[in-house]
Amino acid sequence: MTSGGGARPPSRLELRVDGTTFTVEIEELSAGGLQVRVDGQPVDVDARLPPSGTGSLLMDGVSYTVDLGEGQGEIHVVVDGEAFRVQVADRAGHRRAAPAGAGGPSGQRLVAPMPGKVVAVLVEVGQAVEPGAEIVVLEAMKMENEFRATAGGVVREIHVAPGQAVNAGDLLVVVA
C-alpha cells in the first residue's frame, strides 16, 4: 500500500457466511481496478452485482450467476442455485444488513443477467415464496438457468411469459 498521494486505505469487511467468518479487503487501484483479498489471499474478481436482484460474478476465472436479496440483519445470496446467509460488519465492527444502496428490509427485483428465452415462469402473482424457491427458468447460450428467490416474500409482479425473448437487464419478476 502506498502512503500519501491521496491513496485510500482498503475497505475491510468481516463476512459471516453460514457460520464461517471471512475477512475481505477491497482496495481501489490507481489504474481504476480493484484488488480483493479474502483472509489475506488475493482473489481475482470481476462483479456486475446490483444492490438486489440478479447479477454476475467472475472469480478466479470461474463465472457464477448471483441473486441478492435482504433478510432480517443479513443478505440472502444464491450462487448458481445454492443459498447462503451472509452477515456483514465493517472494520469498526458495525453490522450492516446489506450493501450501501440496497432497498428495503426484504425483496428482490429479478432481472435477466443475459439475453435469452423464458422457458418457464414457476410462480404467479400473489404467491408466497421462501428463499431459494425457483422463480423463472431462462435459456441462454443453449443452457437452462434457474433463478431462485433470494429472500422470502410475495410475488408482486411478473413481466414475462414462457417463450418470450428477453434482453440483459430486462425485469422478469418482483418479489416483495
N, C-alpha and C. Protein backbone atom coordinates (compact mmCIF):
# COMPACT_ATOMS: atom_id res chain seq x y z
N MET A 1 0.86 -1.18 0.00
CA MET A 1 0.00 0.00 0.00
C MET A 1 0.90 1.23 0.00
N THR A 2 0.53 2.20 -0.78
CA THR A 2 1.32 3.43 -0.86
C THR A 2 0.87 4.40 0.22
N SER A 3 1.77 5.28 0.58
CA SER A 3 1.38 6.31 1.55
C SER A 3 1.38 7.65 0.86
N GLY A 4 0.58 8.58 1.37
CA GLY A 4 0.47 9.90 0.77
C GLY A 4 -0.21 9.83 -0.58
N GLY A 5 -0.19 10.92 -1.31
CA GLY A 5 -0.74 10.95 -2.65
C GLY A 5 -2.24 10.71 -2.72
N GLY A 6 -2.95 10.79 -1.58
CA GLY A 6 -4.39 10.64 -1.60
C GLY A 6 -4.88 9.21 -1.68
N ALA A 7 -3.97 8.20 -1.57
CA ALA A 7 -4.41 6.80 -1.64
C ALA A 7 -5.30 6.48 -0.44
N ARG A 8 -6.40 5.81 -0.73
CA ARG A 8 -7.32 5.44 0.34
C ARG A 8 -6.96 4.07 0.87
N PRO A 9 -7.08 3.88 2.18
CA PRO A 9 -6.81 2.54 2.71
C PRO A 9 -7.87 1.56 2.21
N PRO A 10 -7.52 0.27 2.18
CA PRO A 10 -8.51 -0.70 1.71
C PRO A 10 -9.74 -0.72 2.62
N SER A 11 -10.89 -0.99 2.03
CA SER A 11 -12.10 -1.24 2.83
C SER A 11 -11.95 -2.63 3.41
N ARG A 12 -12.29 -2.77 4.67
CA ARG A 12 -12.16 -4.07 5.31
C ARG A 12 -13.52 -4.47 5.88
N LEU A 13 -13.97 -5.64 5.50
CA LEU A 13 -15.25 -6.15 5.96
C LEU A 13 -15.07 -7.52 6.58
N GLU A 14 -15.87 -7.80 7.57
CA GLU A 14 -15.95 -9.14 8.14
C GLU A 14 -17.25 -9.74 7.62
N LEU A 15 -17.16 -10.84 6.87
CA LEU A 15 -18.34 -11.52 6.34
C LEU A 15 -18.52 -12.83 7.09
N ARG A 16 -19.71 -13.04 7.60
CA ARG A 16 -20.05 -14.31 8.23
C ARG A 16 -21.01 -15.02 7.28
N VAL A 17 -20.51 -16.11 6.67
CA VAL A 17 -21.27 -16.85 5.67
C VAL A 17 -21.64 -18.21 6.27
N ASP A 18 -22.94 -18.39 6.54
CA ASP A 18 -23.42 -19.65 7.12
C ASP A 18 -22.54 -20.11 8.28
N GLY A 19 -22.15 -19.16 9.16
CA GLY A 19 -21.42 -19.51 10.37
C GLY A 19 -19.91 -19.41 10.28
N THR A 20 -19.34 -19.24 9.09
CA THR A 20 -17.90 -19.12 8.92
C THR A 20 -17.56 -17.66 8.63
N THR A 21 -16.57 -17.11 9.35
CA THR A 21 -16.20 -15.71 9.19
C THR A 21 -14.99 -15.56 8.26
N PHE A 22 -15.09 -14.60 7.33
CA PHE A 22 -14.02 -14.28 6.40
C PHE A 22 -13.71 -12.79 6.52
N THR A 23 -12.43 -12.43 6.40
CA THR A 23 -12.02 -11.04 6.33
C THR A 23 -11.79 -10.70 4.87
N VAL A 24 -12.51 -9.69 4.37
CA VAL A 24 -12.40 -9.29 2.97
C VAL A 24 -11.88 -7.86 2.93
N GLU A 25 -10.80 -7.65 2.18
CA GLU A 25 -10.24 -6.32 1.98
C GLU A 25 -10.37 -5.96 0.50
N ILE A 26 -10.87 -4.76 0.25
CA ILE A 26 -11.06 -4.29 -1.12
C ILE A 26 -10.33 -2.96 -1.24
N GLU A 27 -9.39 -2.92 -2.19
CA GLU A 27 -8.58 -1.72 -2.39
C GLU A 27 -8.76 -1.21 -3.81
N GLU A 28 -9.07 0.09 -3.93
CA GLU A 28 -9.17 0.71 -5.25
C GLU A 28 -7.76 0.99 -5.75
N LEU A 29 -7.45 0.52 -6.96
CA LEU A 29 -6.14 0.73 -7.55
C LEU A 29 -6.13 2.01 -8.37
N SER A 30 -4.96 2.62 -8.49
CA SER A 30 -4.86 3.88 -9.24
C SER A 30 -5.24 3.68 -10.71
N ALA A 31 -5.07 2.47 -11.23
CA ALA A 31 -5.42 2.18 -12.63
C ALA A 31 -6.93 2.03 -12.81
N GLY A 32 -7.71 2.11 -11.72
CA GLY A 32 -9.16 2.06 -11.83
C GLY A 32 -9.76 0.72 -11.46
N GLY A 33 -8.96 -0.30 -11.27
CA GLY A 33 -9.49 -1.61 -10.91
C GLY A 33 -9.57 -1.77 -9.40
N LEU A 34 -9.85 -2.98 -8.99
CA LEU A 34 -9.92 -3.32 -7.57
C LEU A 34 -8.99 -4.48 -7.28
N GLN A 35 -8.42 -4.45 -6.09
CA GLN A 35 -7.68 -5.60 -5.60
C GLN A 35 -8.48 -6.15 -4.42
N VAL A 36 -8.77 -7.44 -4.45
CA VAL A 36 -9.57 -8.07 -3.41
C VAL A 36 -8.73 -9.16 -2.75
N ARG A 37 -8.76 -9.19 -1.41
CA ARG A 37 -8.10 -10.25 -0.64
C ARG A 37 -9.12 -10.84 0.32
N VAL A 38 -9.16 -12.16 0.38
CA VAL A 38 -10.02 -12.87 1.32
C VAL A 38 -9.10 -13.62 2.28
N ASP A 39 -9.20 -13.29 3.57
CA ASP A 39 -8.30 -13.84 4.59
C ASP A 39 -6.85 -13.72 4.16
N GLY A 40 -6.50 -12.55 3.56
CA GLY A 40 -5.13 -12.25 3.18
C GLY A 40 -4.71 -12.79 1.82
N GLN A 41 -5.50 -13.64 1.21
CA GLN A 41 -5.15 -14.23 -0.08
C GLN A 41 -5.78 -13.43 -1.22
N PRO A 42 -5.00 -13.07 -2.26
CA PRO A 42 -5.59 -12.32 -3.38
C PRO A 42 -6.58 -13.19 -4.15
N VAL A 43 -7.67 -12.55 -4.58
CA VAL A 43 -8.72 -13.22 -5.37
C VAL A 43 -9.00 -12.34 -6.57
N ASP A 44 -8.98 -12.94 -7.76
CA ASP A 44 -9.29 -12.21 -8.98
C ASP A 44 -10.80 -12.15 -9.13
N VAL A 45 -11.38 -10.94 -9.02
CA VAL A 45 -12.82 -10.78 -9.01
C VAL A 45 -13.25 -9.71 -10.02
N ASP A 46 -14.29 -10.04 -10.79
CA ASP A 46 -14.98 -9.06 -11.62
C ASP A 46 -16.46 -9.30 -11.39
N ALA A 47 -17.16 -8.30 -10.88
CA ALA A 47 -18.55 -8.48 -10.50
C ALA A 47 -19.43 -7.42 -11.12
N ARG A 48 -20.61 -7.83 -11.54
CA ARG A 48 -21.68 -6.93 -12.00
C ARG A 48 -22.88 -7.27 -11.13
N LEU A 49 -22.91 -6.68 -9.93
CA LEU A 49 -23.93 -7.02 -8.95
C LEU A 49 -24.76 -5.80 -8.58
N PRO A 50 -26.08 -5.88 -8.76
CA PRO A 50 -26.95 -4.78 -8.32
C PRO A 50 -27.14 -4.88 -6.80
N PRO A 51 -27.68 -3.85 -6.16
CA PRO A 51 -27.95 -3.93 -4.71
C PRO A 51 -28.87 -5.09 -4.36
N SER A 52 -29.81 -5.41 -5.24
CA SER A 52 -30.63 -6.62 -5.09
C SER A 52 -31.02 -7.08 -6.48
N GLY A 53 -31.31 -8.35 -6.61
CA GLY A 53 -31.64 -8.91 -7.91
C GLY A 53 -30.51 -9.79 -8.40
N THR A 54 -30.47 -10.02 -9.71
CA THR A 54 -29.54 -10.97 -10.30
C THR A 54 -28.38 -10.26 -10.98
N GLY A 55 -27.20 -10.79 -10.78
CA GLY A 55 -26.00 -10.26 -11.40
C GLY A 55 -25.04 -11.38 -11.74
N SER A 56 -23.83 -11.00 -12.13
CA SER A 56 -22.83 -12.00 -12.48
C SER A 56 -21.54 -11.73 -11.71
N LEU A 57 -20.81 -12.81 -11.48
CA LEU A 57 -19.56 -12.76 -10.74
C LEU A 57 -18.56 -13.65 -11.44
N LEU A 58 -17.38 -13.11 -11.73
CA LEU A 58 -16.27 -13.88 -12.29
C LEU A 58 -15.20 -13.90 -11.21
N MET A 59 -14.92 -15.08 -10.67
CA MET A 59 -13.97 -15.18 -9.56
C MET A 59 -12.93 -16.24 -9.89
N ASP A 60 -11.68 -15.81 -9.94
CA ASP A 60 -10.57 -16.70 -10.30
C ASP A 60 -10.87 -17.49 -11.56
N GLY A 61 -11.46 -16.80 -12.57
CA GLY A 61 -11.71 -17.40 -13.86
C GLY A 61 -12.97 -18.23 -13.98
N VAL A 62 -13.75 -18.35 -12.89
CA VAL A 62 -14.99 -19.13 -12.92
C VAL A 62 -16.17 -18.16 -12.85
N SER A 63 -17.16 -18.36 -13.74
CA SER A 63 -18.32 -17.49 -13.82
C SER A 63 -19.47 -18.04 -12.99
N TYR A 64 -20.15 -17.14 -12.25
CA TYR A 64 -21.28 -17.50 -11.41
C TYR A 64 -22.44 -16.55 -11.66
N THR A 65 -23.68 -17.07 -11.56
CA THR A 65 -24.87 -16.23 -11.53
C THR A 65 -25.21 -16.03 -10.06
N VAL A 66 -25.43 -14.78 -9.65
CA VAL A 66 -25.64 -14.45 -8.24
C VAL A 66 -26.96 -13.69 -8.09
N ASP A 67 -27.81 -14.15 -7.16
CA ASP A 67 -29.03 -13.45 -6.80
C ASP A 67 -28.85 -12.88 -5.40
N LEU A 68 -29.15 -11.60 -5.24
CA LEU A 68 -29.00 -10.93 -3.95
C LEU A 68 -30.35 -10.43 -3.44
N GLY A 69 -30.58 -10.59 -2.17
CA GLY A 69 -31.78 -10.07 -1.51
C GLY A 69 -31.46 -9.86 -0.05
N GLU A 70 -32.36 -9.24 0.67
CA GLU A 70 -32.12 -8.93 2.07
C GLU A 70 -33.11 -9.66 2.96
N GLY A 71 -32.63 -10.01 4.13
CA GLY A 71 -33.48 -10.57 5.17
C GLY A 71 -33.25 -9.76 6.43
N GLN A 72 -33.70 -10.25 7.53
CA GLN A 72 -33.53 -9.51 8.78
C GLN A 72 -32.09 -9.63 9.26
N GLY A 73 -31.33 -8.53 9.12
CA GLY A 73 -29.96 -8.48 9.60
C GLY A 73 -28.98 -9.25 8.76
N GLU A 74 -29.36 -9.69 7.57
CA GLU A 74 -28.44 -10.45 6.75
C GLU A 74 -28.79 -10.29 5.27
N ILE A 75 -27.86 -10.70 4.43
CA ILE A 75 -28.06 -10.70 2.99
C ILE A 75 -28.29 -12.14 2.57
N HIS A 76 -29.28 -12.36 1.73
CA HIS A 76 -29.51 -13.69 1.18
C HIS A 76 -28.84 -13.72 -0.19
N VAL A 77 -27.92 -14.67 -0.36
CA VAL A 77 -27.17 -14.78 -1.59
C VAL A 77 -27.39 -16.18 -2.16
N VAL A 78 -27.78 -16.25 -3.43
CA VAL A 78 -27.92 -17.53 -4.11
C VAL A 78 -26.90 -17.53 -5.24
N VAL A 79 -25.95 -18.47 -5.18
CA VAL A 79 -24.90 -18.58 -6.19
C VAL A 79 -25.13 -19.88 -6.94
N ASP A 80 -25.44 -19.76 -8.23
CA ASP A 80 -25.73 -20.93 -9.07
C ASP A 80 -26.67 -21.90 -8.37
N GLY A 81 -27.72 -21.37 -7.74
CA GLY A 81 -28.76 -22.19 -7.13
C GLY A 81 -28.50 -22.58 -5.69
N GLU A 82 -27.31 -22.33 -5.14
CA GLU A 82 -27.01 -22.68 -3.75
C GLU A 82 -27.16 -21.43 -2.87
N ALA A 83 -28.01 -21.53 -1.83
CA ALA A 83 -28.34 -20.38 -0.99
C ALA A 83 -27.38 -20.25 0.19
N PHE A 84 -27.03 -18.99 0.50
CA PHE A 84 -26.17 -18.65 1.63
C PHE A 84 -26.79 -17.48 2.38
N ARG A 85 -26.54 -17.43 3.69
CA ARG A 85 -26.94 -16.28 4.51
C ARG A 85 -25.66 -15.58 4.94
N VAL A 86 -25.59 -14.27 4.65
CA VAL A 86 -24.37 -13.51 4.89
C VAL A 86 -24.65 -12.34 5.81
N GLN A 87 -23.83 -12.20 6.85
CA GLN A 87 -23.87 -11.03 7.72
C GLN A 87 -22.60 -10.25 7.47
N VAL A 88 -22.71 -8.92 7.41
CA VAL A 88 -21.59 -8.06 7.07
C VAL A 88 -21.31 -7.10 8.22
N ALA A 89 -20.03 -6.96 8.60
CA ALA A 89 -19.62 -5.95 9.57
C ALA A 89 -18.44 -5.20 8.97
N ASP A 90 -18.42 -3.86 9.13
CA ASP A 90 -17.30 -3.09 8.61
C ASP A 90 -16.13 -3.15 9.59
N ARG A 91 -15.02 -2.47 9.27
CA ARG A 91 -13.81 -2.59 10.10
C ARG A 91 -14.02 -2.09 11.52
N ALA A 92 -15.03 -1.26 11.75
CA ALA A 92 -15.31 -0.79 13.11
C ALA A 92 -16.22 -1.76 13.86
N GLY A 93 -16.62 -2.84 13.18
CA GLY A 93 -17.46 -3.83 13.83
C GLY A 93 -18.95 -3.53 13.73
N HIS A 94 -19.33 -2.49 12.99
CA HIS A 94 -20.74 -2.15 12.84
C HIS A 94 -21.38 -3.14 11.87
N ARG A 95 -22.41 -3.80 12.32
CA ARG A 95 -23.11 -4.78 11.48
C ARG A 95 -24.00 -4.05 10.49
N ARG A 96 -23.99 -4.54 9.26
CA ARG A 96 -24.82 -3.97 8.21
C ARG A 96 -25.68 -5.08 7.64
N ALA A 97 -26.92 -4.75 7.34
CA ALA A 97 -27.84 -5.75 6.80
C ALA A 97 -27.60 -5.99 5.32
N ALA A 98 -27.10 -4.99 4.62
CA ALA A 98 -26.92 -5.14 3.18
C ALA A 98 -25.95 -4.08 2.69
N PRO A 99 -25.43 -4.24 1.48
CA PRO A 99 -24.52 -3.25 0.94
C PRO A 99 -25.19 -1.88 0.82
N ALA A 100 -24.38 -0.84 0.84
CA ALA A 100 -24.91 0.51 0.69
C ALA A 100 -25.69 0.60 -0.60
N GLY A 101 -26.83 1.28 -0.55
CA GLY A 101 -27.65 1.47 -1.73
C GLY A 101 -28.73 0.42 -1.89
N ALA A 102 -28.75 -0.58 -1.03
CA ALA A 102 -29.77 -1.62 -1.17
C ALA A 102 -31.09 -1.08 -0.67
N GLY A 103 -32.16 -1.70 -1.16
CA GLY A 103 -33.51 -1.23 -0.84
C GLY A 103 -33.98 -1.63 0.53
N GLY A 104 -35.29 -1.79 0.71
CA GLY A 104 -35.93 -2.04 1.99
C GLY A 104 -35.51 -3.30 2.68
N PRO A 105 -36.28 -3.75 3.70
CA PRO A 105 -35.86 -4.85 4.51
C PRO A 105 -35.88 -6.20 3.79
N SER A 106 -36.62 -6.36 2.74
CA SER A 106 -36.60 -7.62 2.01
C SER A 106 -37.08 -7.37 0.60
N GLY A 107 -36.90 -8.36 -0.25
CA GLY A 107 -37.41 -8.24 -1.59
C GLY A 107 -36.36 -8.51 -2.64
N GLN A 108 -36.85 -8.66 -3.86
CA GLN A 108 -35.98 -8.98 -4.97
C GLN A 108 -36.61 -8.49 -6.26
N ARG A 109 -35.81 -7.83 -7.09
CA ARG A 109 -36.20 -7.48 -8.45
C ARG A 109 -35.33 -8.36 -9.33
N LEU A 110 -35.91 -9.43 -9.85
CA LEU A 110 -35.17 -10.38 -10.67
C LEU A 110 -35.08 -9.84 -12.08
N VAL A 111 -33.84 -9.62 -12.55
CA VAL A 111 -33.61 -9.13 -13.90
C VAL A 111 -32.79 -10.16 -14.67
N ALA A 112 -32.96 -10.18 -15.97
CA ALA A 112 -32.20 -11.11 -16.82
C ALA A 112 -30.74 -10.67 -16.85
N PRO A 113 -29.82 -11.56 -16.48
CA PRO A 113 -28.40 -11.19 -16.50
C PRO A 113 -27.80 -11.25 -17.90
N MET A 114 -28.56 -11.86 -18.84
CA MET A 114 -28.08 -12.03 -20.21
C MET A 114 -29.29 -12.17 -21.13
N PRO A 115 -29.12 -11.98 -22.43
CA PRO A 115 -30.24 -12.21 -23.33
C PRO A 115 -30.60 -13.69 -23.36
N GLY A 116 -31.86 -14.00 -23.57
CA GLY A 116 -32.27 -15.39 -23.64
C GLY A 116 -33.76 -15.51 -23.89
N LYS A 117 -34.27 -16.72 -23.65
CA LYS A 117 -35.68 -17.01 -23.86
C LYS A 117 -36.23 -17.61 -22.57
N VAL A 118 -37.39 -17.12 -22.14
CA VAL A 118 -38.03 -17.63 -20.93
C VAL A 118 -38.58 -19.02 -21.23
N VAL A 119 -38.12 -20.01 -20.49
CA VAL A 119 -38.59 -21.39 -20.66
C VAL A 119 -39.81 -21.63 -19.78
N ALA A 120 -39.76 -21.12 -18.53
CA ALA A 120 -40.86 -21.35 -17.59
C ALA A 120 -40.91 -20.23 -16.56
N VAL A 121 -42.12 -19.88 -16.15
CA VAL A 121 -42.36 -19.00 -15.02
C VAL A 121 -43.03 -19.89 -13.98
N LEU A 122 -42.36 -20.09 -12.85
CA LEU A 122 -42.78 -21.09 -11.87
C LEU A 122 -43.57 -20.53 -10.70
N VAL A 123 -43.95 -19.25 -10.80
CA VAL A 123 -44.72 -18.60 -9.74
C VAL A 123 -45.86 -17.83 -10.37
N GLU A 124 -46.77 -17.34 -9.52
CA GLU A 124 -47.84 -16.46 -10.01
C GLU A 124 -48.00 -15.31 -9.03
N VAL A 125 -48.57 -14.21 -9.51
CA VAL A 125 -48.76 -13.02 -8.68
C VAL A 125 -49.58 -13.40 -7.44
N GLY A 126 -49.12 -12.93 -6.29
CA GLY A 126 -49.80 -13.22 -5.02
C GLY A 126 -49.26 -14.45 -4.30
N GLN A 127 -48.41 -15.21 -4.97
CA GLN A 127 -47.86 -16.43 -4.37
C GLN A 127 -46.75 -16.09 -3.38
N ALA A 128 -46.78 -16.71 -2.21
CA ALA A 128 -45.71 -16.56 -1.22
C ALA A 128 -44.56 -17.48 -1.62
N VAL A 129 -43.32 -16.96 -1.51
CA VAL A 129 -42.15 -17.77 -1.82
C VAL A 129 -41.16 -17.69 -0.66
N GLU A 130 -40.42 -18.76 -0.48
CA GLU A 130 -39.36 -18.84 0.53
C GLU A 130 -38.02 -18.60 -0.16
N PRO A 131 -36.96 -18.22 0.59
CA PRO A 131 -35.64 -18.10 -0.02
C PRO A 131 -35.25 -19.41 -0.69
N GLY A 132 -34.73 -19.31 -1.90
CA GLY A 132 -34.31 -20.49 -2.64
C GLY A 132 -35.38 -21.08 -3.55
N ALA A 133 -36.63 -20.59 -3.45
CA ALA A 133 -37.71 -21.11 -4.30
C ALA A 133 -37.43 -20.76 -5.77
N GLU A 134 -37.67 -21.71 -6.66
CA GLU A 134 -37.49 -21.47 -8.09
C GLU A 134 -38.54 -20.47 -8.58
N ILE A 135 -38.09 -19.49 -9.38
CA ILE A 135 -38.99 -18.46 -9.88
C ILE A 135 -39.14 -18.53 -11.39
N VAL A 136 -38.01 -18.49 -12.10
CA VAL A 136 -38.02 -18.44 -13.57
C VAL A 136 -36.90 -19.33 -14.10
N VAL A 137 -37.15 -19.95 -15.26
CA VAL A 137 -36.10 -20.68 -15.98
C VAL A 137 -35.88 -19.92 -17.28
N LEU A 138 -34.61 -19.57 -17.54
CA LEU A 138 -34.23 -18.80 -18.72
C LEU A 138 -33.22 -19.60 -19.52
N GLU A 139 -33.46 -19.75 -20.81
CA GLU A 139 -32.50 -20.43 -21.68
C GLU A 139 -31.61 -19.38 -22.31
N ALA A 140 -30.30 -19.57 -22.15
CA ALA A 140 -29.33 -18.65 -22.74
C ALA A 140 -28.10 -19.46 -23.14
N MET A 141 -27.60 -19.24 -24.31
CA MET A 141 -26.42 -19.93 -24.82
C MET A 141 -26.59 -21.45 -24.71
N LYS A 142 -27.77 -21.95 -25.08
CA LYS A 142 -28.11 -23.37 -25.11
C LYS A 142 -28.07 -24.04 -23.73
N MET A 143 -28.18 -23.23 -22.67
CA MET A 143 -28.22 -23.77 -21.31
C MET A 143 -29.45 -23.21 -20.60
N GLU A 144 -30.08 -24.03 -19.78
CA GLU A 144 -31.20 -23.56 -18.97
C GLU A 144 -30.67 -23.10 -17.62
N ASN A 145 -31.04 -21.88 -17.22
CA ASN A 145 -30.61 -21.29 -15.96
C ASN A 145 -31.81 -21.07 -15.07
N GLU A 146 -31.81 -21.68 -13.88
CA GLU A 146 -32.89 -21.49 -12.92
C GLU A 146 -32.57 -20.29 -12.05
N PHE A 147 -33.55 -19.42 -11.87
CA PHE A 147 -33.38 -18.28 -10.99
C PHE A 147 -34.29 -18.46 -9.80
N ARG A 148 -33.74 -18.24 -8.61
CA ARG A 148 -34.44 -18.53 -7.37
C ARG A 148 -34.62 -17.27 -6.53
N ALA A 149 -35.57 -17.33 -5.62
CA ALA A 149 -35.79 -16.23 -4.68
C ALA A 149 -34.61 -16.13 -3.74
N THR A 150 -34.13 -14.91 -3.53
CA THR A 150 -33.03 -14.69 -2.59
C THR A 150 -33.55 -14.38 -1.20
N ALA A 151 -34.83 -14.04 -1.11
CA ALA A 151 -35.45 -13.74 0.18
C ALA A 151 -36.91 -14.18 0.10
N GLY A 152 -37.50 -14.44 1.24
CA GLY A 152 -38.91 -14.77 1.26
C GLY A 152 -39.76 -13.54 0.96
N GLY A 153 -40.95 -13.76 0.48
CA GLY A 153 -41.85 -12.64 0.19
C GLY A 153 -43.02 -13.12 -0.63
N VAL A 154 -43.69 -12.16 -1.25
CA VAL A 154 -44.86 -12.44 -2.08
C VAL A 154 -44.56 -11.92 -3.48
N VAL A 155 -44.88 -12.72 -4.50
CA VAL A 155 -44.68 -12.30 -5.88
C VAL A 155 -45.64 -11.14 -6.16
N ARG A 156 -45.09 -9.97 -6.48
CA ARG A 156 -45.91 -8.77 -6.72
C ARG A 156 -46.13 -8.51 -8.20
N GLU A 157 -45.11 -8.82 -9.04
CA GLU A 157 -45.22 -8.52 -10.47
C GLU A 157 -44.52 -9.62 -11.26
N ILE A 158 -45.10 -9.98 -12.41
CA ILE A 158 -44.46 -10.87 -13.36
C ILE A 158 -44.49 -10.15 -14.70
N HIS A 159 -43.32 -9.97 -15.30
CA HIS A 159 -43.20 -9.19 -16.52
C HIS A 159 -42.92 -10.03 -17.76
N VAL A 160 -42.88 -11.37 -17.61
CA VAL A 160 -42.55 -12.24 -18.74
C VAL A 160 -43.48 -13.44 -18.79
N ALA A 161 -43.44 -14.13 -19.92
CA ALA A 161 -44.23 -15.36 -20.11
C ALA A 161 -43.35 -16.38 -20.81
N PRO A 162 -43.64 -17.67 -20.64
CA PRO A 162 -42.86 -18.70 -21.35
C PRO A 162 -42.84 -18.44 -22.85
N GLY A 163 -41.65 -18.63 -23.44
CA GLY A 163 -41.47 -18.40 -24.87
C GLY A 163 -41.02 -17.00 -25.22
N GLN A 164 -41.10 -16.08 -24.27
CA GLN A 164 -40.75 -14.68 -24.53
C GLN A 164 -39.23 -14.50 -24.57
N ALA A 165 -38.74 -13.74 -25.54
CA ALA A 165 -37.33 -13.38 -25.61
C ALA A 165 -37.09 -12.18 -24.68
N VAL A 166 -35.94 -12.20 -23.97
CA VAL A 166 -35.60 -11.10 -23.08
C VAL A 166 -34.17 -10.64 -23.36
N ASN A 167 -33.90 -9.39 -23.04
CA ASN A 167 -32.57 -8.82 -23.16
C ASN A 167 -31.93 -8.74 -21.77
N ALA A 168 -30.62 -8.65 -21.72
CA ALA A 168 -29.92 -8.47 -20.46
C ALA A 168 -30.46 -7.20 -19.79
N GLY A 169 -30.80 -7.30 -18.51
CA GLY A 169 -31.30 -6.16 -17.77
C GLY A 169 -32.82 -6.05 -17.74
N ASP A 170 -33.54 -6.86 -18.55
CA ASP A 170 -35.00 -6.81 -18.54
C ASP A 170 -35.52 -7.32 -17.20
N LEU A 171 -36.51 -6.63 -16.64
CA LEU A 171 -37.15 -7.03 -15.40
C LEU A 171 -38.03 -8.25 -15.66
N LEU A 172 -37.84 -9.31 -14.87
CA LEU A 172 -38.60 -10.55 -15.03
C LEU A 172 -39.70 -10.66 -13.99
N VAL A 173 -39.34 -10.60 -12.70
CA VAL A 173 -40.29 -10.80 -11.61
C VAL A 173 -39.89 -9.93 -10.43
N VAL A 174 -40.90 -9.44 -9.68
CA VAL A 174 -40.65 -8.68 -8.45
C VAL A 174 -41.26 -9.46 -7.29
N VAL A 175 -40.43 -9.72 -6.28
CA VAL A 175 -40.89 -10.35 -5.03
C VAL A 175 -40.66 -9.33 -3.93
N ALA A 176 -41.69 -9.04 -3.14
CA ALA A 176 -41.54 -8.06 -2.05
C ALA A 176 -42.12 -8.61 -0.77
